[in-house]
Amino acid sequence: MADSQIRQTAYKVWISDLINGEYIKPEGEWTPSYVQVRDNKVSRANIVANVIMNYKNEDSTYISLTLDDGSDNIALKAWNEDIKILDDIKIGDTILTIARVREYNGSMYLVP
């Protein structure tokens, strides 16, 4: 029987916990990156937040929502066919998102 990949826990965290945590990208192709939040290695976050900004590029290949949960804010980004996940969300909406934590050029963001 083949080994099956176990989905990581989506921890309920504040956005500020992610922003202020240490982002760790371990060696190895199949080891997920994570943010160290207290005793947890958070690679998937479960966040309830308000949408305060919404951006979609002209050719509809990229969308970014800025989320605010009262502690801080973070971008939720999607590309190509995945933008349909975020397309109907408007500024002012309160959403629950389960997303992977990523980092690029020192900035933390989420991918649904």
Protein backbone atom coordinates (compact mmCIF):
# COMPACT_ATOMS: atom_id res chain seq x y z
CA MET A 1 0.00 0.00 0.00
CA ALA A 2 1.38 3.41 -0.99
CA ASP A 3 2.01 6.12 1.61
CA SER A 4 -0.66 8.78 1.47
CA GLN A 5 0.06 12.44 2.07
CA ILE A 6 -1.53 13.66 5.32
CA ARG A 7 -3.04 17.14 5.06
CA GLN A 8 -1.54 19.57 7.58
CA THR A 9 -3.80 21.03 10.27
CA ALA A 10 -5.27 24.46 9.44
CA TYR A 11 -4.54 26.31 12.69
CA LYS A 12 -6.81 29.13 13.86
CA VAL A 13 -4.38 32.03 14.20
CA TRP A 14 -4.39 35.81 14.16
CA ILE A 15 -2.86 37.47 11.12
CA SER A 16 -0.40 39.23 13.45
CA ASP A 17 0.81 35.77 14.62
CA LEU A 18 1.75 34.97 11.01
CA ILE A 19 3.27 38.38 10.25
CA ASN A 20 5.37 38.36 13.43
CA GLY A 21 6.27 34.66 13.32
CA GLU A 22 9.41 33.17 11.84
CA TYR A 23 8.92 31.79 8.31
CA ILE A 24 10.84 28.54 7.89
CA LYS A 25 11.47 26.82 4.56
CA PRO A 26 12.90 23.37 5.34
CA GLU A 27 15.16 21.42 3.01
CA GLY A 28 13.46 18.80 0.90
CA GLU A 29 10.94 18.90 -1.90
CA TRP A 30 8.01 17.43 0.06
CA THR A 31 8.50 19.15 3.42
CA PRO A 32 6.09 22.10 3.68
CA SER A 33 7.27 25.55 4.69
CA TYR A 34 5.65 27.00 7.80
CA VAL A 35 5.51 29.86 10.28
CA GLN A 36 6.50 29.10 13.85
CA VAL A 37 3.60 30.37 16.02
CA ARG A 38 4.20 29.52 19.67
CA ASP A 39 4.44 25.69 19.72
CA ASN A 40 2.82 25.16 16.30
CA LYS A 41 4.31 24.85 12.83
CA VAL A 42 1.61 26.63 10.81
CA SER A 43 1.72 25.74 7.11
CA ARG A 44 -2.08 26.12 6.73
CA ALA A 45 -4.02 28.89 8.46
CA ASN A 46 -7.73 29.12 9.31
CA ILE A 47 -8.58 32.83 9.41
CA VAL A 48 -11.78 34.87 9.72
CA ALA A 49 -11.21 38.39 8.41
CA ASN A 50 -12.74 41.35 6.59
CA VAL A 51 -11.79 42.17 3.01
CA ILE A 52 -10.42 45.73 2.93
CA MET A 53 -8.93 45.79 -0.59
CA ASN A 54 -9.51 43.88 -3.82
CA TYR A 55 -7.25 43.89 -6.92
CA LYS A 56 -7.51 41.92 -10.17
CA ASN A 57 -5.16 42.46 -13.10
CA GLU A 58 -6.45 43.42 -16.59
CA ASP A 59 -6.13 39.96 -18.17
CA SER A 60 -7.74 38.21 -15.15
CA THR A 61 -4.77 35.97 -14.39
CA TYR A 62 -4.12 37.30 -10.86
CA ILE A 63 -6.27 38.43 -7.93
CA SER A 64 -5.25 39.72 -4.52
CA LEU A 65 -7.51 40.46 -1.55
CA THR A 66 -6.21 42.25 1.53
CA LEU A 67 -7.62 40.71 4.69
CA ASP A 68 -7.85 42.41 8.12
CA ASP A 69 -8.77 40.50 11.29
CA GLY A 70 -8.25 43.39 13.71
CA SER A 71 -4.70 42.35 14.58
CA ASP A 72 -2.99 43.06 11.23
CA ASN A 73 -3.59 42.54 7.51
CA ILE A 74 -2.30 40.11 4.89
CA ALA A 75 -2.78 39.45 1.18
CA LEU A 76 -4.74 36.44 -0.06
CA LYS A 77 -3.53 35.72 -3.61
CA ALA A 78 -4.61 33.45 -6.47
CA TRP A 79 -3.41 32.97 -10.04
CA ASN A 80 -4.85 31.70 -13.34
CA GLU A 81 -7.76 29.24 -12.97
CA ASP A 82 -7.71 29.58 -9.16
CA ILE A 83 -8.94 33.22 -9.29
CA LYS A 84 -12.53 31.98 -9.60
CA ILE A 85 -12.28 31.01 -5.89
CA LEU A 86 -11.95 34.70 -4.94
CA ASP A 87 -13.71 36.41 -7.86
CA ASP A 88 -17.11 37.09 -6.19
CA ILE A 89 -15.68 38.44 -2.91
CA LYS A 90 -16.19 42.17 -2.39
CA ILE A 91 -14.66 44.83 -0.13
CA GLY A 92 -16.47 44.72 3.22
CA ASP A 93 -17.19 40.97 3.08
CA THR A 94 -16.23 38.89 6.11
CA ILE A 95 -14.74 35.60 4.98
CA LEU A 96 -13.42 32.38 6.46
CA THR A 97 -10.37 31.20 4.57
CA ILE A 98 -8.20 28.15 4.91
CA ALA A 99 -4.97 28.91 3.10
CA ARG A 100 -1.31 27.97 2.80
CA VAL A 101 1.15 30.46 4.24
CA ARG A 102 3.78 31.67 1.77
CA GLU A 103 6.56 34.27 1.75
CA TYR A 104 8.09 36.23 -1.10
CA ASN A 105 10.75 38.95 -0.78
CA GLY A 106 10.19 39.15 2.97
CA SER A 107 6.40 39.59 2.73
CA MET A 108 3.99 36.98 4.05
CA TYR A 109 0.85 36.11 2.05
CA LEU A 110 -1.80 33.39 1.83
CA VAL A 111 -2.83 31.06 -1.02
CA PRO A 112 -6.34 29.56 -0.73
